[in-house]
Protein backbone atom coordinates (compact mmCIF):
# COMPACT_ATOMS: atom_id res chain seq x y z
CA UNK A 1 -0.07 -0.07 -0.03
CA UNK A 2 1.58 3.61 -0.77
CA UNK A 3 1.69 6.18 1.45
CA UNK A 4 -0.06 9.28 0.34
CA UNK A 5 0.20 11.59 3.06
CA UNK A 6 -0.12 12.29 6.87
CA UNK A 7 -2.68 14.13 8.92
CA UNK A 8 -0.97 14.09 11.89
CA UNK A 9 -1.60 16.55 14.28
CA UNK A 10 1.64 16.15 16.76
CA UNK A 11 3.12 19.92 15.98
CA UNK A 12 -0.09 21.31 17.61
CA UNK A 13 -1.81 19.12 20.10
CA UNK A 14 -1.25 19.48 23.56
CA UNK A 15 1.75 16.35 24.34
CA UNK A 16 0.30 14.57 27.35
CA UNK A 17 3.48 14.95 29.99
CA UNK A 18 3.61 12.00 33.19
CA UNK A 19 3.93 13.80 36.27
CA UNK A 20 6.03 13.14 38.75
CA UNK A 21 5.31 9.50 40.39
CA UNK A 22 6.52 6.55 42.03
CA UNK A 23 5.58 3.35 40.58
CA UNK A 24 5.16 0.36 43.45
CA UNK A 25 4.73 -2.87 41.94
CA UNK A 26 3.92 -5.98 43.97
CA UNK A 27 4.99 -9.55 42.93
CA UNK A 28 8.56 -7.55 41.44
CA UNK A 29 9.80 -10.78 40.70
CA UNK A 30 7.30 -12.38 39.49
CA UNK A 31 6.60 -13.58 35.70
CA UNK A 32 4.40 -10.44 34.73
CA UNK A 33 6.66 -7.86 36.07
CA UNK A 34 9.76 -9.36 34.00
CA UNK A 35 8.28 -10.05 31.00
CA UNK A 36 5.45 -7.21 30.08
CA UNK A 37 5.97 -4.16 32.56
CA UNK A 38 9.53 -3.87 33.28
CA UNK A 39 9.87 -3.56 29.59
CA UNK A 40 6.71 -1.60 28.65
CA UNK A 41 8.25 1.29 30.78
CA UNK A 42 11.78 0.56 29.53
CA UNK A 43 10.52 1.61 26.21
CA UNK A 44 8.45 4.53 27.79
CA UNK A 45 12.00 5.08 29.02
CA UNK A 46 13.23 5.22 26.18
CA UNK A 47 10.93 6.86 24.23
CA UNK A 48 11.09 9.75 26.68
CA UNK A 49 8.04 9.68 28.03
CA UNK A 50 8.52 9.12 31.67
CA UNK A 51 9.02 11.90 34.10
CA UNK A 52 12.54 12.73 35.31
CA UNK A 53 10.99 12.32 38.40
CA UNK A 54 10.39 9.01 38.22
CA UNK A 55 10.80 6.14 40.82
CA UNK A 56 10.16 2.45 40.47
CA UNK A 57 10.00 0.46 43.71
CA UNK A 58 9.78 -3.56 43.76
CA UNK A 59 7.87 -5.13 46.82
CA UNK A 60 8.14 -8.78 47.06
CA UNK A 61 8.50 -12.01 49.47
CA UNK A 62 12.39 -12.58 47.97
CA UNK A 63 15.17 -10.76 49.73
CA UNK A 64 17.34 -8.65 48.72
CA UNK A 65 17.95 -5.00 47.50
CA UNK A 66 17.79 -2.51 44.57
CA UNK A 67 20.53 -3.25 42.61
CA UNK A 68 20.27 -6.92 42.66
CA UNK A 69 16.42 -6.97 41.25
CA UNK A 70 17.35 -4.22 39.03
CA UNK A 71 20.76 -6.21 37.83
CA UNK A 72 18.30 -9.12 37.37
CA UNK A 73 15.48 -7.25 35.20
CA UNK A 74 18.15 -6.18 33.25
CA UNK A 75 19.39 -9.23 32.31
CA UNK A 76 16.09 -10.90 31.76
CA UNK A 77 15.27 -7.97 29.11
CA UNK A 78 18.03 -8.10 27.18
CA UNK A 79 17.90 -11.75 26.99
CA UNK A 80 14.14 -11.57 25.83
CA UNK A 81 15.34 -8.75 22.90
CA UNK A 82 18.02 -11.29 21.96
CA UNK A 83 15.78 -14.24 21.17
CA UNK A 84 13.57 -11.66 19.28
CA UNK A 85 16.33 -10.64 17.17
CA UNK A 86 15.96 -7.19 18.71
CA UNK A 87 18.76 -4.49 18.78
CA UNK A 88 20.98 -4.65 22.47
CA UNK A 89 19.31 -3.02 25.20
CA UNK A 90 19.52 1.14 25.27
CA UNK A 91 22.35 0.97 28.46
CA UNK A 92 21.26 5.08 28.83
CA UNK A 93 17.68 4.57 28.85
CA UNK A 94 17.84 1.33 31.63
CA UNK A 95 20.04 4.02 33.84
CA UNK A 96 17.75 6.68 33.41
CA UNK A 97 14.64 4.31 34.71
CA UNK A 98 16.49 2.64 37.16
CA UNK A 99 19.12 5.28 38.64
CA UNK A 100 16.65 5.73 41.34
CA UNK A 101 14.89 2.38 42.02
CA UNK A 102 13.87 1.01 45.36
CA UNK A 103 13.09 -2.58 46.53
CA UNK A 104 11.86 -3.50 49.56
CA UNK A 105 11.35 -7.56 50.82
CA UNK A 106 8.31 -7.98 52.55
CA UNK A 107 5.12 -9.98 53.25
CA UNK A 108 2.01 -8.63 51.66
CA UNK A 109 -0.72 -10.03 54.31
CA UNK A 110 0.80 -8.37 56.95
CA UNK A 111 0.24 -4.87 58.20
CA UNK A 112 4.02 -3.68 59.56
CA UNK A 113 4.51 -4.15 55.47
CA UNK A 114 2.52 -1.34 54.80
CA UNK A 115 3.86 0.50 57.15
CA UNK A 116 7.61 0.29 56.22
CA UNK A 117 5.98 1.15 52.50
CA UNK A 118 4.49 3.99 53.69
CA UNK A 119 8.06 5.57 54.78
CA UNK A 120 9.85 4.25 52.39
CA UNK A 121 7.75 6.49 50.12
CA UNK A 122 8.14 9.40 52.39
CA UNK A 123 12.04 9.16 52.05
CA UNK A 124 11.52 8.39 48.47
CA UNK A 125 9.34 11.49 47.65
CA UNK A 126 11.62 14.11 49.93
CA UNK A 127 14.56 12.56 48.16
CA UNK A 128 13.22 12.81 44.00
CA UNK A 129 10.22 15.62 44.15
CA UNK A 130 7.35 13.12 43.74
CA UNK A 131 4.67 15.21 45.25
CA UNK A 132 3.28 12.31 46.93
CA UNK A 133 1.80 10.86 43.43
CA UNK A 134 2.35 7.04 43.78
CA UNK A 135 1.08 4.38 41.52
CA UNK A 136 0.52 0.84 42.96
CA UNK A 137 0.70 -2.48 40.18
CA UNK A 138 -0.73 -5.07 41.81
CA UNK A 139 1.10 -8.19 39.62
CA UNK A 140 0.02 -10.75 42.20
CA UNK A 141 -2.78 -13.51 42.58
CA UNK A 142 -5.85 -11.98 42.09
CA UNK A 143 -6.72 -13.94 45.24
CA UNK A 144 -4.28 -11.18 47.05
CA UNK A 145 -6.38 -7.74 44.84
CA UNK A 146 -8.86 -7.34 48.03
CA UNK A 147 -6.88 -7.95 50.98
CA UNK A 148 -3.84 -5.40 50.04
CA UNK A 149 -5.76 -2.74 48.64
CA UNK A 150 -7.58 -2.84 52.29
CA UNK A 151 -4.17 -2.96 53.73
CA UNK A 152 -2.65 -0.06 51.86
CA UNK A 153 -6.42 1.69 52.78
CA UNK A 154 -5.39 1.17 56.13
CA UNK A 155 -2.14 2.30 55.87
CA UNK A 156 -3.28 5.66 54.86
CA UNK A 157 -1.56 4.64 51.59
CA UNK A 158 -4.98 5.32 49.06
CA UNK A 159 -5.29 8.72 50.22
CA UNK A 160 -5.35 11.67 48.46
CA UNK A 161 -5.13 15.29 49.62
CA UNK A 162 -5.71 17.98 47.44
CA UNK A 163 -3.72 17.60 44.23
CA UNK A 164 -1.59 14.36 45.12
CA UNK A 165 -3.45 11.25 43.89
CA UNK A 166 -2.99 7.63 44.98
CA UNK A 167 -4.10 4.68 41.66
CA UNK A 168 -4.08 0.87 41.55
CA UNK A 169 -3.81 -1.04 38.77
CA UNK A 170 -5.48 -4.66 39.24
CA UNK A 171 -4.97 -7.29 36.21
CA UNK A 172 -7.53 -9.80 34.84
CA UNK A 173 -9.40 -11.90 36.66
CA UNK A 174 -11.91 -9.08 37.93
CA UNK A 175 -13.96 -12.38 39.49
CA UNK A 176 -14.65 -16.09 38.42
CA UNK A 177 -18.38 -15.53 37.35
CA UNK A 178 -20.90 -12.87 38.46
CA UNK A 179 -21.28 -13.48 42.24
CA UNK A 180 -17.50 -13.21 42.59
CA UNK A 181 -16.93 -10.09 40.16
CA UNK A 182 -20.11 -8.47 42.15
CA UNK A 183 -18.16 -8.85 45.61
CA UNK A 184 -14.71 -7.61 43.99
CA UNK A 185 -16.25 -4.83 43.04
CA UNK A 186 -17.60 -4.44 46.34
CA UNK A 187 -14.91 -5.11 48.10
CA UNK A 188 -12.30 -3.07 46.53
CA UNK A 189 -14.86 -0.12 46.06
CA UNK A 190 -14.95 0.40 50.19
CA UNK A 191 -11.36 1.31 50.26
CA UNK A 192 -10.98 3.44 46.61
CA UNK A 193 -13.23 5.52 44.68
CA UNK A 194 -13.88 3.97 41.06
CA UNK A 195 -11.34 7.08 39.73
CA UNK A 196 -8.27 5.38 41.28
CA UNK A 197 -9.28 1.66 40.10
CA UNK A 198 -7.62 0.74 36.78
CA UNK A 199 -8.72 -2.33 35.56
CA UNK A 200 -6.31 -3.39 33.55
CA UNK A 201 -6.71 -5.50 29.71
CA UNK A 202 -3.41 -5.68 27.80
CA UNK A 203 -5.26 -6.37 24.64
CA UNK A 204 -6.83 -2.71 24.82
CA UNK A 205 -3.10 -1.44 24.50
CA UNK A 206 -2.85 -2.95 20.94
CA UNK A 207 -2.30 -0.58 18.78
CA UNK A 208 -4.80 -2.03 16.33
CA UNK A 209 -7.78 -2.56 19.26
CA UNK A 210 -7.10 1.38 20.14
CA UNK A 211 -7.21 2.12 16.11
CA UNK A 212 -10.51 -0.03 15.67
CA UNK A 213 -12.45 3.63 17.06
CA UNK A 214 -10.16 5.73 14.76
CA UNK A 215 -10.99 3.38 11.90
CA UNK A 216 -14.67 3.59 12.48
CA UNK A 217 -15.19 7.64 13.68
CA UNK A 218 -12.63 9.50 11.51
CA UNK A 219 -13.64 7.76 8.27
CA UNK A 220 -17.29 8.25 6.51
CA UNK A 221 -16.89 5.81 4.24
CA UNK A 222 -17.60 3.00 6.64
CA UNK A 223 -19.70 4.23 9.77
CA UNK A 224 -22.61 3.96 6.98
CA UNK A 225 -22.24 0.80 6.50
CA UNK A 226 -21.73 -0.82 9.80
CA UNK A 227 -24.93 -1.69 10.87
CA UNK A 228 -27.38 -4.54 10.55
CA UNK A 229 -28.43 -3.39 6.98
CA UNK A 230 -24.75 -4.15 5.28
CA UNK A 231 -23.08 -6.25 7.75
CA UNK A 232 -24.36 -10.26 7.95
CA UNK A 233 -22.48 -11.31 11.12
CA UNK A 234 -19.02 -10.74 12.98
CA UNK A 235 -16.52 -13.54 13.58
CA UNK A 236 -13.98 -12.72 16.68
CA UNK A 237 -10.84 -15.21 16.68
CA UNK A 238 -8.28 -15.25 19.33
CA UNK A 239 -6.23 -18.29 18.17
CA UNK A 240 -3.16 -19.28 20.05
CA UNK A 241 -0.60 -21.71 19.56
CA UNK A 242 0.84 -22.46 22.70
CA UNK A 243 -0.79 -25.10 25.20
CA UNK A 244 -0.98 -23.85 29.59
CA UNK A 245 2.78 -24.34 29.80
CA UNK A 246 3.45 -24.45 33.11
CA UNK A 247 0.45 -22.70 33.91
CA UNK A 248 -1.68 -26.53 34.96
CA UNK A 249 -2.91 -25.35 38.00
CA UNK A 250 -3.80 -21.76 37.56
CA UNK A 251 -5.61 -23.25 34.02
CA UNK A 252 -7.23 -26.36 35.81
CA UNK A 253 -10.05 -24.03 37.85
CA UNK A 254 -10.10 -21.17 35.09
CA UNK A 255 -10.75 -22.39 31.94
CA UNK A 256 -11.10 -21.22 28.28
CA UNK A 257 -14.11 -19.13 28.80
CA UNK A 258 -12.91 -17.37 32.09
CA UNK A 259 -9.84 -16.51 31.16
CA UNK A 260 -10.61 -14.77 27.56
CA UNK A 261 -14.25 -14.42 26.72
CA UNK A 262 -15.38 -11.52 29.42
CA UNK A 263 -12.61 -9.61 28.98
CA UNK A 264 -10.24 -9.96 26.30
CA UNK A 265 -12.99 -10.76 23.41
CA UNK A 266 -15.77 -8.74 25.01
CA UNK A 267 -13.13 -6.04 24.83
CA UNK A 268 -12.81 -6.23 21.22
CA UNK A 269 -16.53 -6.74 20.46
CA UNK A 270 -17.39 -3.04 22.23
CA UNK A 271 -14.82 -1.32 20.66
CA UNK A 272 -16.52 -2.80 17.13
CA UNK A 273 -20.09 -2.63 18.35
CA UNK A 274 -20.12 0.63 20.80
CA UNK A 275 -22.16 3.71 19.44
CA UNK A 276 -19.88 6.99 18.71
CA UNK A 277 -19.22 8.72 22.04
CA UNK A 278 -19.53 12.41 22.23
CA UNK A 279 -15.94 12.75 22.95
CA UNK A 280 -13.32 10.49 23.51
CA UNK A 281 -13.05 11.38 27.42
CA UNK A 282 -12.96 7.83 29.50
CA UNK A 283 -16.21 8.18 31.18
CA UNK A 284 -17.82 8.67 27.87
CA UNK A 285 -16.08 6.08 25.73
CA UNK A 286 -16.91 3.68 28.69
CA UNK A 287 -20.56 4.58 28.40
CA UNK A 288 -20.76 3.46 25.22
CA UNK A 289 -19.02 0.09 25.53
CA UNK A 290 -21.05 -0.61 28.88
CA UNK A 291 -24.19 0.27 26.76
CA UNK A 292 -23.10 -2.69 24.27
CA UNK A 293 -22.73 -5.19 27.34
CA UNK A 294 -25.61 -3.98 29.27
CA UNK A 295 -27.48 -4.86 25.07
CA UNK A 296 -26.45 -8.39 24.74
CA UNK A 297 -28.35 -11.38 25.99
CA UNK A 298 -27.68 -13.52 28.12
CA UNK A 299 -25.67 -16.65 25.72
CA UNK A 300 -27.92 -19.91 25.36
CA UNK A 301 -26.55 -23.46 25.77
CA UNK A 302 -27.13 -24.40 22.14
CA UNK A 303 -24.80 -21.54 21.35
CA UNK A 304 -22.13 -22.66 23.13
CA UNK A 305 -19.98 -24.97 22.44
CA UNK A 306 -16.40 -26.10 24.46
CA UNK A 307 -13.75 -28.66 24.13
CA UNK A 308 -9.97 -29.77 25.07
CA UNK A 309 -7.12 -29.89 23.00
CA UNK A 310 -5.71 -33.69 22.49
CA UNK A 311 -1.93 -34.74 21.22
CA UNK A 312 -1.14 -33.64 18.00
CA UNK A 313 1.53 -31.97 16.05
CA UNK A 314 2.34 -28.28 15.52
CA UNK A 315 4.54 -27.80 12.11
CA UNK A 316 6.73 -30.53 13.08
CA UNK A 317 7.11 -30.42 16.61
CA UNK A 318 5.27 -32.99 18.79
CA UNK A 319 2.31 -31.71 21.46
CA UNK A 320 1.23 -32.99 23.94
CA UNK A 321 -2.54 -33.41 25.53
CA UNK A 322 -3.89 -31.35 27.43
CA UNK A 323 -4.61 -34.18 30.13
CA UNK A 324 -0.69 -34.78 29.83
CA UNK A 325 0.45 -31.65 30.76
CA UNK A 326 2.15 -30.48 33.95
CA UNK A 327 -0.66 -30.12 37.13
CA UNK A 328 -3.14 -30.95 35.14
CA UNK A 329 -5.79 -34.05 36.23
CA UNK A 330 -5.67 -37.05 33.51
CA UNK A 331 -9.42 -37.15 33.86
CA UNK A 332 -9.72 -33.06 33.73
CA UNK A 333 -12.58 -31.60 32.45
CA UNK A 334 -11.30 -27.92 32.09
CA UNK A 335 -11.93 -26.47 28.62
CA UNK A 336 -9.49 -25.26 26.33
CA UNK A 337 -11.43 -23.68 23.50
CA UNK A 338 -14.76 -21.91 23.36
CA UNK A 339 -16.74 -20.88 20.82
CA UNK A 340 -20.01 -18.70 21.43
CA UNK A 341 -22.65 -16.74 19.25
CA UNK A 342 -23.62 -13.92 20.87
CA UNK A 343 -26.29 -11.30 19.69
CA UNK A 344 -26.59 -7.93 20.87
CA UNK A 345 -30.24 -6.78 21.00
CA UNK A 346 -30.01 -2.51 19.70
CA UNK A 347 -31.15 -0.91 17.02
CA UNK A 348 -27.35 -1.23 15.22
CA UNK A 349 -26.95 -4.67 15.68
CA UNK A 350 -30.08 -6.88 16.16
CA UNK A 351 -30.34 -9.55 14.01
CA UNK A 352 -26.44 -9.63 13.38
CA UNK A 353 -24.76 -12.67 15.26
CA UNK A 354 -21.74 -12.30 16.13
CA UNK A 355 -19.44 -15.33 16.61
CA UNK A 356 -16.19 -15.90 18.97
CA UNK A 357 -14.25 -18.76 19.15
CA UNK A 358 -10.85 -18.66 21.43
CA UNK A 359 -8.63 -22.09 22.39
CA UNK A 360 -5.21 -22.75 22.91
CA UNK A 361 -2.90 -25.47 20.45
CA UNK A 362 -4.65 -23.94 17.57
CA UNK A 363 -3.23 -24.25 13.99
CA UNK A 364 -1.51 -21.04 14.43
CA UNK A 365 -1.76 -18.02 16.56
CA UNK A 366 -4.14 -15.47 15.28
CA UNK A 367 -6.18 -12.66 16.19
CA UNK A 368 -8.59 -11.03 14.18
CA UNK A 369 -12.08 -9.15 14.07
CA UNK A 370 -14.04 -9.99 10.79
CA UNK A 371 -17.11 -8.40 9.36
CA UNK A 372 -19.14 -9.69 6.37
CA UNK A 373 -20.98 -7.84 4.34
CA UNK A 374 -24.10 -8.81 3.15
CA UNK A 375 -24.38 -10.64 -0.55
CA UNK A 376 -25.05 -8.30 -3.46
CA UNK A 377 -27.54 -9.69 -6.41
CA UNK A 378 -26.64 -12.31 -8.42
CA UNK A 379 -29.20 -10.70 -11.23
CA UNK A 380 -26.74 -8.88 -12.64
CA UNK A 381 -24.52 -11.66 -13.41
CA UNK A 382 -27.08 -14.33 -14.16
CA UNK A 383 -25.88 -14.27 -17.84
CA UNK A 384 -22.45 -14.31 -17.66
CA UNK A 385 -19.88 -16.90 -16.24
CA UNK A 386 -20.11 -16.70 -12.81
CA UNK A 387 -20.71 -19.58 -10.08
CA UNK A 388 -21.41 -17.58 -7.26
CA UNK A 389 -19.66 -14.07 -5.86
CA UNK A 390 -16.76 -13.60 -3.34
CA UNK A 391 -17.66 -12.75 0.45
CA UNK A 392 -16.85 -8.92 1.34
CA UNK A 393 -15.03 -8.79 4.27
CA UNK A 394 -13.46 -6.14 5.97
CA UNK A 395 -10.61 -7.51 8.91
CA UNK A 396 -8.88 -6.34 11.55
CA UNK A 397 -5.96 -8.05 12.40
CA UNK A 398 -4.88 -8.05 15.94
CA UNK A 399 -2.05 -10.76 16.06
CA UNK A 400 0.72 -11.76 14.59
CA UNK A 401 0.84 -8.65 12.58
CA UNK A 402 -1.19 -5.75 13.08
CA UNK A 403 -3.19 -4.38 10.16
CA UNK A 404 -6.74 -4.10 8.56
CA UNK A 405 -7.23 -5.39 4.80
CA UNK A 406 -10.90 -5.05 2.87
CA UNK A 407 -11.41 -8.36 0.61
CA UNK A 408 -14.15 -7.33 -2.54
CA UNK A 409 -14.94 -8.79 -6.04
CA UNK A 410 -13.22 -7.65 -9.23
CA UNK A 411 -13.39 -8.42 -13.20
CA UNK A 412 -10.31 -10.68 -13.90
CA UNK A 413 -8.66 -9.13 -17.38
CA UNK A 414 -9.93 -10.67 -20.39
CA UNK A 415 -13.01 -10.78 -22.78
CA UNK A 416 -15.29 -12.64 -20.36
CA UNK A 417 -17.10 -11.42 -17.73
CA UNK A 418 -14.94 -13.37 -14.80
CA UNK A 419 -14.72 -12.35 -11.13
CA UNK A 420 -12.43 -12.90 -8.38
CA UNK A 421 -11.56 -11.72 -5.01
CA UNK A 422 -8.87 -9.29 -4.18
CA UNK A 423 -7.94 -7.83 -1.02
CA UNK A 424 -6.47 -4.25 -0.14
CA UNK A 425 -3.94 -4.71 2.41
CA UNK A 426 -2.51 -2.48 5.00
CA UNK A 427 -0.12 -3.28 7.82
CA UNK A 428 1.53 -1.18 10.23
CA UNK A 429 4.76 -2.49 10.38
CA UNK A 430 5.03 -1.10 6.58
CA UNK A 431 3.16 1.99 6.78
CA UNK A 432 4.42 3.47 10.58
CA UNK A 433 8.27 2.80 11.77
CA UNK A 434 7.68 2.17 15.76
CA UNK A 435 9.85 0.69 18.02
CA UNK A 436 9.11 -2.51 19.47
CA UNK A 437 6.19 -2.46 22.02
CA UNK A 438 4.05 -5.09 24.05
CA UNK A 439 1.32 -2.85 24.47
CA UNK A 440 1.87 -2.33 28.16
CA UNK A 441 3.03 0.62 27.13
CA UNK A 442 0.00 2.86 26.45
CA UNK A 443 -1.97 1.52 29.08
CA UNK A 444 1.23 2.34 31.78
CA UNK A 445 1.59 5.63 30.69
CA UNK A 446 -2.43 6.49 31.00
CA UNK A 447 -2.50 5.34 34.40
CA UNK A 448 0.46 7.45 35.22
CA UNK A 449 -1.57 10.29 33.63
CA UNK A 450 -4.89 9.41 34.75
CA UNK A 451 -6.64 8.62 31.81
CA UNK A 452 -8.84 5.48 32.12
CA UNK A 453 -10.74 4.84 28.58
CA UNK A 454 -8.31 1.93 27.91
CA UNK A 455 -9.01 0.60 31.05
CA UNK A 456 -12.48 -1.27 32.18
CA UNK A 457 -15.23 0.11 34.83
CA UNK A 458 -16.53 -1.87 37.47
CA UNK A 459 -20.13 -1.43 35.87
CA UNK A 460 -18.80 -3.42 32.55
CA UNK A 461 -16.81 -6.21 34.45
CA UNK A 462 -20.42 -7.24 36.00
CA UNK A 463 -22.28 -6.77 32.90
CA UNK A 464 -19.94 -8.84 30.79
CA UNK A 465 -19.85 -11.81 33.61
CA UNK A 466 -23.94 -11.52 33.34
CA UNK A 467 -23.99 -12.79 30.03
CA UNK A 468 -21.37 -15.56 29.91
CA UNK A 469 -23.16 -16.63 33.70
CA UNK A 470 -25.87 -19.14 32.02
CA UNK A 471 -22.58 -20.95 29.98
CA UNK A 472 -21.34 -21.30 33.38
CA UNK A 473 -24.02 -22.39 35.27
CA UNK A 474 -24.81 -25.21 32.10
CA UNK A 475 -21.33 -26.55 32.65
CA UNK A 476 -21.50 -26.78 36.50
CA UNK A 477 -24.65 -29.86 35.99
CA UNK A 478 -23.06 -31.42 32.79
CA UNK A 479 -19.87 -33.09 32.03
CA UNK A 480 -18.58 -33.07 28.72
CA UNK A 481 -18.03 -35.99 26.69
CA UNK A 482 -15.44 -37.03 24.36
CA UNK A 483 -12.71 -34.75 26.07
CA UNK A 484 -9.89 -34.31 24.29
CA UNK A 485 -12.21 -33.52 21.04
CA UNK A 486 -9.62 -31.64 19.15
CA UNK A 487 -6.11 -32.36 18.37
CA UNK A 488 -3.19 -29.72 18.71
CA UNK A 489 -2.29 -28.22 15.55
CA UNK A 490 -6.08 -27.94 14.19
CA UNK A 491 -9.28 -25.49 13.45
CA UNK A 492 -10.63 -26.46 17.05
CA UNK A 493 -13.26 -29.10 18.04
CA UNK A 494 -15.81 -30.07 15.26
CA UNK A 495 -19.18 -28.58 17.58
CA UNK A 496 -17.89 -25.31 16.31
CA UNK A 497 -18.14 -25.59 13.22
CA UNK A 498 -21.39 -27.12 13.55
CA UNK A 499 -22.64 -24.24 15.78
CA UNK A 500 -22.26 -22.16 12.75
CA UNK A 501 -23.14 -24.69 9.87
CA UNK A 502 -26.40 -24.78 11.94
CA UNK A 503 -26.98 -20.70 10.71
CA UNK A 504 -25.77 -21.38 6.97
CA UNK A 505 -22.49 -20.29 7.50
CA UNK A 506 -18.60 -21.35 8.07
CA UNK A 507 -15.61 -20.25 10.29
CA UNK A 508 -12.86 -18.54 8.54
CA UNK A 509 -9.58 -19.98 8.08
CA UNK A 510 -7.48 -19.15 11.11
CA UNK A 511 -4.40 -17.59 9.44
């Protein structure tokens, strides 16, 4: 695709500036911190987005000091960058990020830990001029969300005075069903105001996901077609080639539905299905997303399919079945694949099914949102050698390569009226020269500047669980039959194809 010109407003738009702040990471030695949070901070620092008065604070049970913690993080990042074929670590950027780093060993279940943390933050504030601003990042198991926030509040660490802000990031899962989600929100909001809570879904940090709103609302050619009059159905695919790896204990009590659907998948649907907000202010956008979830009908049992992978091959590599993975029961009934037919009962989408599927050990790592347009009449081509017209699709691809494709019909060159399906293809990598990123950069930066647009609100979380709760209730009373029912390296179980076949439709090929 040829680049024509840029309408970038960077030169005139006000630049968001991050204030002075400390960022405290609970779970400082954890996998999430090493793989995603700290690399994102490094990329922000390299891009000049972090304040000169920024202090990174690690909190964990592991004994140690700031020097050892920082060195371990640097070695992990350097190894990951090398494995990804990226340039070696920028030592100057890393030194800027970690120059004022601090580390505290402590037990997050003990009240005296938070008293010591408060004293550490006070000393860092006086030394580095942090103005009392603190972002707490809970990179810990969800069972600790409520207790940690309780202790932070009891120690006075979440109290906001005048311009001093205190914010908390919590990662999914936000509950395990509707009842637990409500209980967690109620627990958290006893100590914090909703404006202080940043519920992170890292899918929303991906450029293509954020671009959906710009694509829809900044282009007059598309928005008038974005409704039940022109769209036949929508398919959302989140396919992974990885298995559960060493996360069997977590996955056994979670499964594909809880792990992916009411959070990642629903956020993608919300971006596609929401009405235009009056502005891009956080509450205006989140109100429209909440409206989508409120309009979703609770899923019906016949509109849900679950599956579990058995042994198979990914390329030339043999891989075990789910029941042979570490920390998984040999007769496990946990689903590693789920597909659903969802309905949004509002003016724009009435009668347009949203089909979603997500699973592990599938044929390819592939995430896309595909909108299928209604067919054109065949009458014009009845005397031409055209057996059928190809489908018109608009495909928003999120991974592995971010971009947008439009599939449509065109005449093949020659003397006869022959129709072929062709594609127009836009990819971010070819169009924009961007630094490597993992999606956390935008989300962490937004939390530091207080922009909650890309974070979930309590009502959104509860409305999403309301939609999928009937499936969870059904599965609790009905054991799956025939598990494992799809081979690793395939497109998923037969029940998924059958669900679409009943509607006279088929899934798009993964990849």
